[in-house]
Amino acid sequence: MDIVSSLPFLAVLVPLIGAFVLFFVPESKDNIRNPLAFIVSLLTAIIAVSIVMQVAQGHIVSYPVLRILPGLEFSFRVDPLGALFGGAASILWVFAVFYSIGYMSHEHNRKRYYIFYLISLGVTLGIAFAENLFTLYLFYEMLTLATYPLVIHEGNKEAQAAGVRYIIYSLVGAGLVLYSLFITFGMVGTLSFTQGGLMTEVARTAPLLFTTVFVAYILGFGVKAAIMPFHSWLPSAMAAPTPVSALLHAVAVVKSGIFGILRVMYSIYGTSAMIELNLGIIVAVLVSFTILMASIIAMRQDVLKRRLAYSTISQLGYITLGAGLLTPLALSGGLLHIINHALLKITLFFCAGAIITVTGKKKISELHGLGKRMPLTMLAFAIGSIGMVGILPINGFISKWRLMEGSLEAGMPIFIVILISSAILNALYFFPIVINAFFKKGDFQPAESVEAPLTMLLPIVVLAVVCIVVGIRLDLTVPFVDSVVTYLF
């Protein structure tokens, strides 16, 4: 049942107002700016969670804002898929802002950082709660503009080059999506997300055109989703501060690309049109290459954040693979991985930031024996690594298990081979980091045991525990994800 509520609009508006208020807080007033940024993110999460609770009760929460043309509106409407993405993003943003208080305490341009961090939160929720592709596209482009200052935050040549690459790739992706929007609107007269899809009846009238448009959509949104060969902006963006890296990889930018792909596949085209045009296999094959190749490249990276970056590129492919297989079990595995990957990857990036803050070390080859100096941080890193490989009892297991079940359900066991191969590669590039940190001698001695500041360590420990709890208590995520799958199918 649809209910009209201003909550989706408020979820977008509150962080934008918070960013505006921060503009008037002097650079030196950390004691005002930091608590204010945290309170704004917490309030936003409370609003988003209240929306999720209404959606979980069977409601669709909508709020029209502006009608531009017949069939073209700027409006919000939160269905189960939007609630899943928006809820996960808003909750993890609270942890990211709290973590930033410790990490950014000695950084420059902190005022600018928090302003755009909050703007990015509001824009991400605009994507999640959009009623149609037009509204989603507007916020999608705003996200590029909002995150660009975060990518170039350091201000050095590496950061500037990363920012240029990020903008160029994003503009190319935006052009492809915009082209597809025009064609779609011209053919069906609306861009509204529809249960079962818009293309069920019209796809067969021009199969070649709609196949071409679909590929343009996938490649356009695939830029932010880091589908190869449109991925290279993401490792470059590691020049940004670690909380930004966590934002890019776990919560906002890459997941907005994935979300756009999911919307096109299930809310615009629909499963019937996807099956009739054989579009799912195109997606599955494309991302399978990304899953394996990114894992292979990750093994060659010595810089910790770059290894995590290529891991992200690979793991994102799991979500899209689950969607492309077009079966309920596979889709549930992919949607679960939106949550599980977000929890695991933000934990791993937070650990990397703590390591950099305490030791100044950025390369994996320099971390031998680190477990003696930062035992809690490295234990959390070990939990994240185990979850990424997909081993019980960490939450990453259930995602990959359902993806494998979905592969059988689709009658395509070859994808089980790809998933298992990827898991082995994950183990090969994650486990040596943990083993060397705890069992190899290095420059770190037990007497020097020092962890990161509490504002950084607390989110790391809490999130690591959450990864275990969510892995054991499947009732915390699986029922809601199953309701999303039921809605989309």
Protein backbone atom coordinates (compact mmCIF):
# COMPACT_ATOMS: atom_id res chain seq x y z
CA MET A 1 0.00 0.00 0.00
CA ASP A 2 1.32 3.43 -0.97
CA ILE A 3 1.48 6.07 1.75
CA VAL A 4 2.43 9.70 1.20
CA SER A 5 5.10 10.91 3.61
CA SER A 6 7.73 13.65 3.61
CA LEU A 7 10.27 11.33 5.27
CA PRO A 8 12.16 10.46 2.02
CA PHE A 9 12.45 14.17 1.21
CA LEU A 10 13.63 14.89 4.77
CA ALA A 11 16.23 12.13 4.59
CA VAL A 12 17.73 13.90 1.58
CA LEU A 13 17.25 17.42 2.93
CA VAL A 14 18.62 17.03 6.48
CA PRO A 15 22.27 16.29 5.49
CA LEU A 16 22.13 19.07 2.87
CA ILE A 17 20.97 21.54 5.53
CA GLY A 18 23.65 20.19 7.84
CA ALA A 19 26.30 20.83 5.20
CA PHE A 20 24.98 24.38 4.76
CA VAL A 21 25.24 25.02 8.50
CA LEU A 22 28.80 23.64 8.57
CA PHE A 23 29.75 26.25 5.98
CA PHE A 24 29.44 28.90 8.69
CA VAL A 25 31.49 27.00 11.28
CA PRO A 26 35.11 28.28 11.32
CA GLU A 27 37.83 25.86 10.21
CA SER A 28 39.38 25.78 13.67
CA LYS A 29 36.14 24.93 15.53
CA ASP A 30 36.46 21.13 15.51
CA ASN A 31 34.59 20.97 18.82
CA ILE A 32 31.50 22.37 17.05
CA ARG A 33 31.84 20.91 13.56
CA ASN A 34 32.62 17.29 14.48
CA PRO A 35 29.67 16.71 16.85
CA LEU A 36 27.35 18.57 14.47
CA ALA A 37 28.38 16.37 11.52
CA PHE A 38 27.85 13.25 13.61
CA ILE A 39 24.44 14.40 14.89
CA VAL A 40 23.29 15.21 11.34
CA SER A 41 24.37 11.79 10.06
CA LEU A 42 22.70 10.08 13.03
CA LEU A 43 19.45 11.99 12.53
CA THR A 44 19.50 11.11 8.83
CA ALA A 45 19.99 7.43 9.66
CA ILE A 46 17.06 7.54 12.11
CA ILE A 47 14.81 8.97 9.39
CA ALA A 48 16.02 6.39 6.86
CA VAL A 49 15.53 3.50 9.28
CA SER A 50 12.00 4.69 10.06
CA ILE A 51 11.29 4.54 6.31
CA VAL A 52 12.77 1.04 6.13
CA MET A 53 10.51 -0.08 8.98
CA GLN A 54 7.43 1.20 7.15
CA VAL A 55 8.52 -0.57 3.96
CA ALA A 56 9.14 -3.76 5.94
CA GLN A 57 5.51 -3.58 7.06
CA GLY A 58 4.40 -3.71 3.42
CA HIS A 59 4.08 0.01 2.64
CA ILE A 60 5.54 1.99 -0.25
CA VAL A 61 6.52 5.46 0.94
CA SER A 62 6.16 8.20 -1.67
CA TYR A 63 6.49 11.98 -1.84
CA PRO A 64 5.92 13.85 -5.13
CA VAL A 65 7.84 17.11 -5.46
CA LEU A 66 7.59 18.55 -8.97
CA ARG A 67 5.89 17.52 -12.21
CA ILE A 68 7.94 18.57 -15.23
CA LEU A 69 6.15 16.83 -18.09
CA PRO A 70 3.45 14.18 -18.29
CA GLY A 71 5.26 10.99 -17.24
CA LEU A 72 8.33 12.92 -16.04
CA GLU A 73 8.49 13.97 -12.41
CA PHE A 74 11.01 14.87 -9.74
CA SER A 75 9.70 12.72 -6.93
CA PHE A 76 10.54 10.16 -4.27
CA ARG A 77 9.11 6.69 -3.77
CA VAL A 78 10.70 4.13 -1.50
CA ASP A 79 10.03 0.49 -2.39
CA PRO A 80 11.85 -2.50 -0.82
CA LEU A 81 14.92 -2.19 -3.10
CA GLY A 82 15.34 1.52 -2.35
CA ALA A 83 14.85 0.86 1.36
CA LEU A 84 17.59 -1.78 1.31
CA PHE A 85 20.15 0.53 -0.29
CA GLY A 86 19.16 3.67 1.59
CA GLY A 87 18.99 1.97 4.96
CA ALA A 88 22.39 0.31 4.63
CA ALA A 89 24.04 3.51 3.35
CA SER A 90 22.63 5.78 6.06
CA ILE A 91 23.59 3.46 8.93
CA LEU A 92 27.15 2.95 7.73
CA TRP A 93 27.53 6.69 7.15
CA VAL A 94 27.17 7.22 10.90
CA PHE A 95 30.16 4.95 11.49
CA ALA A 96 32.11 6.71 8.74
CA VAL A 97 31.52 10.18 10.19
CA PHE A 98 32.47 8.99 13.70
CA TYR A 99 35.63 7.37 12.31
CA SER A 100 36.46 10.56 10.40
CA ILE A 101 36.60 12.53 13.66
CA GLY A 102 39.72 10.62 14.65
CA TYR A 103 41.24 10.16 11.20
CA MET A 104 40.82 13.76 10.05
CA SER A 105 41.94 15.37 13.33
CA HIS A 106 45.36 16.24 11.90
CA GLU A 107 44.31 16.70 8.27
CA HIS A 108 43.90 19.98 6.42
CA ASN A 109 40.65 21.38 4.92
CA ARG A 110 38.51 19.58 7.49
CA LYS A 111 35.65 22.03 7.01
CA ARG A 112 35.44 21.32 3.27
CA TYR A 113 35.75 17.61 3.95
CA TYR A 114 32.75 17.41 6.29
CA ILE A 115 30.60 19.68 4.11
CA PHE A 116 30.98 17.44 1.09
CA TYR A 117 30.79 14.28 3.20
CA LEU A 118 27.31 15.31 4.33
CA ILE A 119 26.28 16.48 0.87
CA SER A 120 27.29 13.07 -0.47
CA LEU A 121 25.06 11.43 2.15
CA GLY A 122 22.02 13.42 1.09
CA VAL A 123 22.66 12.81 -2.60
CA THR A 124 23.14 9.06 -2.06
CA LEU A 125 19.79 8.84 -0.32
CA GLY A 126 18.30 10.79 -3.22
CA ILE A 127 19.48 7.99 -5.49
CA ALA A 128 18.12 5.31 -3.17
CA PHE A 129 14.71 6.94 -2.70
CA ALA A 130 14.16 8.16 -6.29
CA GLU A 131 10.76 7.37 -7.78
CA ASN A 132 12.03 7.22 -11.35
CA LEU A 133 15.14 7.16 -13.51
CA PHE A 134 15.01 10.91 -14.09
CA THR A 135 15.23 11.70 -10.37
CA LEU A 136 17.85 9.00 -9.90
CA TYR A 137 19.92 10.42 -12.75
CA LEU A 138 19.90 13.94 -11.31
CA PHE A 139 21.18 12.73 -7.95
CA TYR A 140 23.57 10.33 -9.67
CA GLU A 141 25.28 13.25 -11.39
CA MET A 142 25.22 15.33 -8.22
CA LEU A 143 27.06 12.48 -6.48
CA THR A 144 29.94 12.86 -8.92
CA LEU A 145 30.18 16.58 -8.13
CA ALA A 146 29.82 16.03 -4.38
CA THR A 147 32.50 13.34 -4.15
CA TYR A 148 35.02 15.02 -6.47
CA PRO A 149 36.31 17.39 -3.74
CA LEU A 150 36.73 14.37 -1.48
CA VAL A 151 38.75 12.48 -4.08
CA ILE A 152 41.14 15.42 -4.58
CA HIS A 153 41.24 16.30 -0.86
CA GLU A 154 44.99 15.79 -0.47
CA GLY A 155 45.66 18.38 -3.18
CA ASN A 156 48.84 16.72 -4.50
CA LYS A 157 49.50 15.68 -8.08
CA GLU A 158 48.33 12.11 -7.48
CA ALA A 159 45.02 13.32 -6.06
CA GLN A 160 44.52 15.86 -8.85
CA ALA A 161 45.17 13.20 -11.50
CA ALA A 162 42.75 10.82 -9.73
CA GLY A 163 40.12 13.56 -9.71
CA VAL A 164 40.50 14.22 -13.45
CA ARG A 165 40.20 10.52 -14.23
CA TYR A 166 37.17 10.23 -11.97
CA ILE A 167 35.40 13.12 -13.72
CA ILE A 168 36.21 11.87 -17.23
CA TYR A 169 34.99 8.35 -16.54
CA SER A 170 31.89 9.65 -14.78
CA LEU A 171 31.01 11.96 -17.69
CA VAL A 172 31.33 9.11 -20.18
CA GLY A 173 29.06 6.96 -18.05
CA ALA A 174 26.61 9.83 -17.63
CA GLY A 175 26.42 10.31 -21.38
CA LEU A 176 25.52 6.67 -21.95
CA VAL A 177 22.84 6.75 -19.27
CA LEU A 178 21.39 10.02 -20.58
CA TYR A 179 21.17 8.60 -24.11
CA SER A 180 19.33 5.59 -22.75
CA LEU A 181 16.94 7.77 -20.75
CA PHE A 182 15.89 9.69 -23.86
CA ILE A 183 15.27 6.51 -25.84
CA THR A 184 13.33 4.89 -23.01
CA PHE A 185 11.13 7.93 -22.40
CA GLY A 186 10.49 8.30 -26.12
CA MET A 187 9.39 4.68 -26.43
CA VAL A 188 7.27 4.20 -23.28
CA GLY A 189 6.44 7.77 -22.20
CA THR A 190 7.58 7.40 -18.60
CA LEU A 191 10.67 6.67 -16.52
CA SER A 192 8.87 5.59 -13.36
CA PHE A 193 10.10 2.47 -11.62
CA THR A 194 7.44 -0.19 -12.03
CA GLN A 195 7.00 -3.50 -10.27
CA GLY A 196 7.65 -6.10 -12.97
CA GLY A 197 9.25 -3.54 -15.29
CA LEU A 198 8.10 -1.17 -18.01
CA MET A 199 9.34 -3.14 -21.01
CA THR A 200 7.28 -6.31 -20.71
CA GLU A 201 4.99 -5.42 -23.60
CA VAL A 202 7.15 -3.13 -25.75
CA ALA A 203 10.53 -4.92 -25.71
CA ARG A 204 9.50 -7.39 -28.39
CA THR A 205 8.45 -4.56 -30.74
CA ALA A 206 12.05 -3.41 -31.22
CA PRO A 207 14.35 -6.05 -29.72
CA LEU A 208 17.57 -4.75 -31.28
CA LEU A 209 16.94 -1.18 -30.10
CA PHE A 210 16.08 -2.20 -26.57
CA THR A 211 19.08 -4.53 -26.41
CA THR A 212 21.35 -1.67 -27.50
CA VAL A 213 19.78 0.68 -24.96
CA PHE A 214 20.17 -1.94 -22.24
CA VAL A 215 23.89 -2.35 -23.00
CA ALA A 216 24.27 1.44 -22.86
CA TYR A 217 22.57 1.47 -19.45
CA ILE A 218 24.84 -1.27 -18.12
CA LEU A 219 28.01 0.36 -19.40
CA GLY A 220 26.88 3.80 -18.21
CA PHE A 221 26.06 2.72 -14.66
CA GLY A 222 28.91 0.21 -14.90
CA VAL A 223 31.45 3.04 -14.74
CA LYS A 224 30.61 3.77 -11.10
CA ALA A 225 30.06 0.05 -10.50
CA ALA A 226 33.68 -0.42 -11.69
CA ILE A 227 32.88 -3.07 -14.29
CA MET A 228 36.00 -3.78 -16.33
CA PRO A 229 37.30 -2.13 -18.46
CA PHE A 230 35.72 1.00 -16.90
CA HIS A 231 37.28 0.46 -13.50
CA SER A 232 40.60 2.27 -13.43
CA TRP A 233 39.23 5.43 -11.78
CA LEU A 234 38.59 3.44 -8.60
CA PRO A 235 42.15 2.35 -7.70
CA SER A 236 43.32 5.87 -8.61
CA ALA A 237 40.81 7.34 -6.16
CA MET A 238 42.74 5.67 -3.33
CA ALA A 239 44.75 8.91 -3.20
CA ALA A 240 41.83 10.22 -1.11
CA PRO A 241 41.74 9.99 2.71
CA THR A 242 40.79 6.54 3.97
CA PRO A 243 37.27 7.49 5.16
CA VAL A 244 36.63 8.66 1.60
CA SER A 245 37.97 5.38 0.25
CA ALA A 246 35.57 3.56 2.57
CA LEU A 247 32.78 5.82 1.35
CA LEU A 248 33.61 5.16 -2.31
CA HIS A 249 34.02 1.40 -1.95
CA ALA A 250 31.56 0.29 0.69
CA VAL A 251 28.64 2.67 0.68
CA ALA A 252 28.09 5.40 -1.87
CA VAL A 253 29.63 5.65 -5.32
CA VAL A 254 30.15 2.05 -6.39
CA LYS A 255 26.89 0.93 -4.80
CA SER A 256 25.02 3.73 -6.57
CA GLY A 257 26.28 2.28 -9.86
CA ILE A 258 25.13 -1.19 -8.82
CA PHE A 259 21.81 0.25 -7.69
CA GLY A 260 21.34 1.91 -11.07
CA ILE A 261 21.95 -1.40 -12.82
CA LEU A 262 19.46 -3.17 -10.56
CA ARG A 263 16.85 -0.49 -11.22
CA VAL A 264 17.27 -0.83 -14.98
CA MET A 265 17.12 -4.61 -14.89
CA TYR A 266 14.20 -5.10 -12.51
CA SER A 267 12.25 -1.81 -12.40
CA ILE A 268 12.56 -0.66 -16.04
CA TYR A 269 13.07 -3.78 -18.16
CA GLY A 270 11.68 -6.44 -15.81
CA THR A 271 12.47 -10.14 -15.70
CA SER A 272 10.12 -11.05 -18.57
CA ALA A 273 11.77 -8.63 -21.00
CA MET A 274 15.23 -9.57 -19.73
CA ILE A 275 14.57 -13.26 -20.38
CA GLU A 276 12.92 -12.65 -23.75
CA LEU A 277 15.87 -10.57 -24.99
CA ASN A 278 18.51 -12.85 -23.35
CA LEU A 279 19.99 -9.84 -21.55
CA GLY A 280 20.80 -11.55 -18.27
CA ILE A 281 23.55 -13.71 -19.75
CA ILE A 282 25.23 -10.61 -21.21
CA VAL A 283 25.51 -9.14 -17.72
CA ALA A 284 26.60 -12.43 -16.13
CA VAL A 285 29.42 -13.03 -18.62
CA LEU A 286 30.64 -9.42 -18.47
CA VAL A 287 30.89 -9.33 -14.68
CA SER A 288 32.38 -12.85 -14.46
CA PHE A 289 35.41 -11.54 -16.32
CA THR A 290 35.57 -8.64 -13.85
CA ILE A 291 35.28 -10.97 -10.84
CA LEU A 292 38.25 -13.11 -11.86
CA MET A 293 40.50 -10.51 -13.48
CA ALA A 294 40.20 -8.02 -10.61
CA SER A 295 41.09 -10.77 -8.13
CA ILE A 296 44.18 -11.68 -10.14
CA ILE A 297 45.29 -8.05 -10.30
CA ALA A 298 44.66 -7.63 -6.56
CA MET A 299 47.24 -10.32 -5.82
CA ARG A 300 49.93 -8.17 -7.45
CA GLN A 301 49.25 -5.04 -5.38
CA ASP A 302 51.63 -4.19 -2.54
CA VAL A 303 49.86 -0.99 -1.48
CA LEU A 304 47.14 -2.12 0.95
CA LYS A 305 44.45 0.31 -0.19
CA ARG A 306 44.98 -0.60 -3.84
CA ARG A 307 44.63 -4.30 -3.03
CA LEU A 308 41.39 -3.49 -1.26
CA ALA A 309 40.33 -1.44 -4.27
CA TYR A 310 40.72 -4.32 -6.70
CA SER A 311 39.01 -6.58 -4.20
CA THR A 312 36.05 -4.20 -4.33
CA ILE A 313 35.94 -4.36 -8.12
CA SER A 314 35.78 -8.14 -7.91
CA GLN A 315 33.23 -8.28 -5.09
CA LEU A 316 30.88 -5.84 -6.80
CA GLY A 317 30.70 -8.31 -9.65
CA TYR A 318 29.01 -10.80 -7.29
CA ILE A 319 26.07 -8.45 -6.84
CA THR A 320 25.60 -7.88 -10.56
CA LEU A 321 26.09 -11.59 -11.29
CA GLY A 322 23.28 -12.42 -8.89
CA ALA A 323 21.03 -9.95 -10.69
CA GLY A 324 22.03 -11.21 -14.15
CA LEU A 325 21.21 -14.84 -13.44
CA LEU A 326 17.53 -13.81 -13.13
CA THR A 327 16.53 -16.32 -10.46
CA PRO A 328 15.19 -15.52 -6.98
CA LEU A 329 18.00 -17.31 -5.15
CA ALA A 330 20.71 -15.65 -7.22
CA LEU A 331 19.18 -12.21 -6.78
CA SER A 332 18.85 -12.74 -3.03
CA GLY A 333 22.55 -13.62 -2.93
CA GLY A 334 23.42 -10.46 -4.82
CA LEU A 335 21.23 -8.26 -2.63
CA LEU A 336 22.62 -9.83 0.54
CA HIS A 337 26.07 -9.00 -0.75
CA ILE A 338 25.14 -5.32 -0.95
CA ILE A 339 24.81 -5.42 2.83
CA ASN A 340 27.54 -7.92 3.60
CA HIS A 341 30.16 -6.45 1.30
CA ALA A 342 29.43 -2.98 2.68
CA LEU A 343 30.01 -4.17 6.26
CA LEU A 344 33.13 -6.15 5.42
CA LYS A 345 34.77 -3.61 3.14
CA ILE A 346 34.18 -0.60 5.36
CA THR A 347 35.75 -2.60 8.20
CA LEU A 348 38.79 -3.43 6.09
CA PHE A 349 39.26 0.16 4.94
CA PHE A 350 38.88 1.44 8.48
CA CYS A 351 41.61 -1.01 9.51
CA ALA A 352 43.84 0.26 6.69
CA GLY A 353 43.29 3.84 7.84
CA ALA A 354 44.16 2.92 11.42
CA ILE A 355 47.36 1.25 10.25
CA ILE A 356 48.37 4.30 8.25
CA THR A 357 47.56 6.63 11.15
CA VAL A 358 49.51 4.67 13.77
CA THR A 359 52.47 3.37 11.76
CA GLY A 360 52.60 5.45 8.58
CA LYS A 361 52.92 2.18 6.64
CA LYS A 362 50.96 1.84 3.40
CA LYS A 363 52.51 -1.26 1.83
CA ILE A 364 51.62 -4.84 2.68
CA SER A 365 55.29 -5.84 2.64
CA GLU A 366 55.85 -3.45 5.57
CA LEU A 367 53.21 -4.98 7.83
CA HIS A 368 55.00 -8.13 9.02
CA GLY A 369 54.54 -8.49 12.76
CA LEU A 370 51.94 -5.72 12.94
CA GLY A 371 49.55 -7.98 14.86
CA LYS A 372 51.80 -7.56 17.90
CA ARG A 373 51.44 -3.78 17.83
CA MET A 374 47.81 -3.45 16.72
CA PRO A 375 46.16 -6.75 17.76
CA LEU A 376 42.55 -5.50 17.77
CA THR A 377 42.88 -3.81 14.40
CA MET A 378 44.47 -6.84 12.78
CA LEU A 379 41.92 -9.18 14.38
CA ALA A 380 39.18 -7.06 12.81
CA PHE A 381 41.07 -7.18 9.52
CA ALA A 382 41.20 -10.98 9.82
CA ILE A 383 37.43 -11.12 10.37
CA GLY A 384 36.87 -8.95 7.30
CA SER A 385 39.21 -11.11 5.25
CA ILE A 386 37.48 -14.33 6.26
CA GLY A 387 34.13 -12.80 5.37
CA MET A 388 35.39 -11.70 1.96
CA VAL A 389 36.52 -15.22 1.18
CA GLY A 390 33.09 -16.48 2.22
CA ILE A 391 33.82 -18.69 5.23
CA LEU A 392 31.46 -19.34 8.14
CA PRO A 393 30.54 -17.82 10.53
CA ILE A 394 31.21 -14.41 8.93
CA ASN A 395 28.41 -12.76 6.95
CA GLY A 396 30.04 -13.11 3.52
CA PHE A 397 29.26 -16.83 3.50
CA ILE A 398 25.50 -16.59 3.03
CA SER A 399 25.83 -14.22 0.05
CA LYS A 400 28.10 -16.56 -1.87
CA TRP A 401 26.16 -19.67 -0.85
CA ARG A 402 22.97 -18.25 -2.27
CA LEU A 403 24.76 -17.12 -5.42
CA MET A 404 25.91 -20.69 -5.97
CA GLU A 405 22.40 -22.00 -5.31
CA GLY A 406 21.11 -19.42 -7.78
CA SER A 407 23.58 -20.63 -10.40
CA LEU A 408 22.13 -24.12 -10.10
CA GLU A 409 18.60 -22.70 -10.14
CA ALA A 410 19.45 -20.94 -13.41
CA GLY A 411 20.92 -24.14 -14.85
CA MET A 412 24.36 -22.54 -15.20
CA PRO A 413 26.80 -24.38 -12.88
CA ILE A 414 29.75 -22.76 -14.67
CA PHE A 415 29.20 -19.73 -12.46
CA ILE A 416 29.76 -21.89 -9.39
CA VAL A 417 33.25 -22.57 -10.76
CA ILE A 418 33.79 -18.83 -11.16
CA LEU A 419 32.60 -18.12 -7.62
CA ILE A 420 34.80 -20.83 -6.09
CA SER A 421 37.79 -19.71 -8.15
CA SER A 422 37.26 -16.16 -6.96
CA ALA A 423 37.03 -17.31 -3.34
CA ILE A 424 40.38 -19.10 -3.69
CA LEU A 425 41.94 -15.96 -5.18
CA ASN A 426 40.47 -13.91 -2.33
CA ALA A 427 42.13 -16.22 0.16
CA LEU A 428 45.44 -15.93 -1.67
CA TYR A 429 45.54 -12.14 -1.45
CA PHE A 430 43.91 -11.64 1.98
CA PHE A 431 45.22 -14.43 4.20
CA PRO A 432 48.96 -13.75 3.71
CA ILE A 433 48.41 -10.24 5.11
CA VAL A 434 46.89 -11.67 8.27
CA ILE A 435 49.38 -14.54 8.62
CA ASN A 436 52.38 -12.25 8.15
CA ALA A 437 50.98 -9.72 10.61
CA PHE A 438 50.54 -12.27 13.41
CA PHE A 439 53.18 -14.93 12.75
CA LYS A 440 56.10 -13.25 10.99
CA LYS A 441 58.75 -11.17 12.64
CA GLY A 442 58.91 -7.54 11.71
CA ASP A 443 59.74 -4.15 13.11
CA PHE A 444 56.83 -4.21 15.55
CA GLN A 445 57.36 -5.51 19.08
CA PRO A 446 54.75 -6.46 21.72
CA ALA A 447 56.03 -3.73 24.04
CA GLU A 448 55.06 -1.16 21.41
CA SER A 449 51.41 -2.23 21.31
CA VAL A 450 49.45 0.88 20.35
CA GLU A 451 46.04 1.07 18.71
CA ALA A 452 44.45 3.93 16.82
CA PRO A 453 42.49 6.61 18.71
CA LEU A 454 39.20 5.42 20.20
CA THR A 455 37.14 7.33 17.62
CA MET A 456 38.75 5.12 14.98
CA LEU A 457 39.12 1.88 16.93
CA LEU A 458 35.55 1.77 18.22
CA PRO A 459 33.90 1.70 14.76
CA ILE A 460 36.39 -0.95 13.66
CA VAL A 461 35.62 -3.25 16.59
CA VAL A 462 31.86 -2.70 16.46
CA LEU A 463 31.67 -3.35 12.72
CA ALA A 464 33.81 -6.49 13.01
CA VAL A 465 31.43 -7.80 15.67
CA VAL A 466 28.44 -6.90 13.48
CA CYS A 467 29.96 -8.92 10.62
CA ILE A 468 30.00 -11.97 12.89
CA VAL A 469 26.52 -11.36 14.33
CA VAL A 470 24.96 -10.84 10.90
CA GLY A 471 26.72 -14.00 9.71
CA ILE A 472 25.20 -16.04 12.55
CA ARG A 473 21.82 -14.32 12.92
CA LEU A 474 20.55 -14.65 9.37
CA ASP A 475 17.13 -13.48 10.52
CA LEU A 476 18.54 -9.94 10.74
CA THR A 477 18.97 -9.62 6.97
CA VAL A 478 17.64 -12.60 5.02
CA PRO A 479 13.87 -12.13 5.59
CA PHE A 480 13.96 -8.50 4.45
CA VAL A 481 16.13 -9.34 1.44
CA ASP A 482 13.72 -12.15 0.52
CA SER A 483 10.87 -9.63 0.65
CA VAL A 484 12.81 -7.41 -1.77
CA VAL A 485 13.25 -10.38 -4.15
CA THR A 486 9.55 -11.20 -3.94
CA TYR A 487 8.69 -7.59 -4.78
CA LEU A 488 11.06 -7.45 -7.76
CA PHE A 489 9.96 -10.78 -9.23
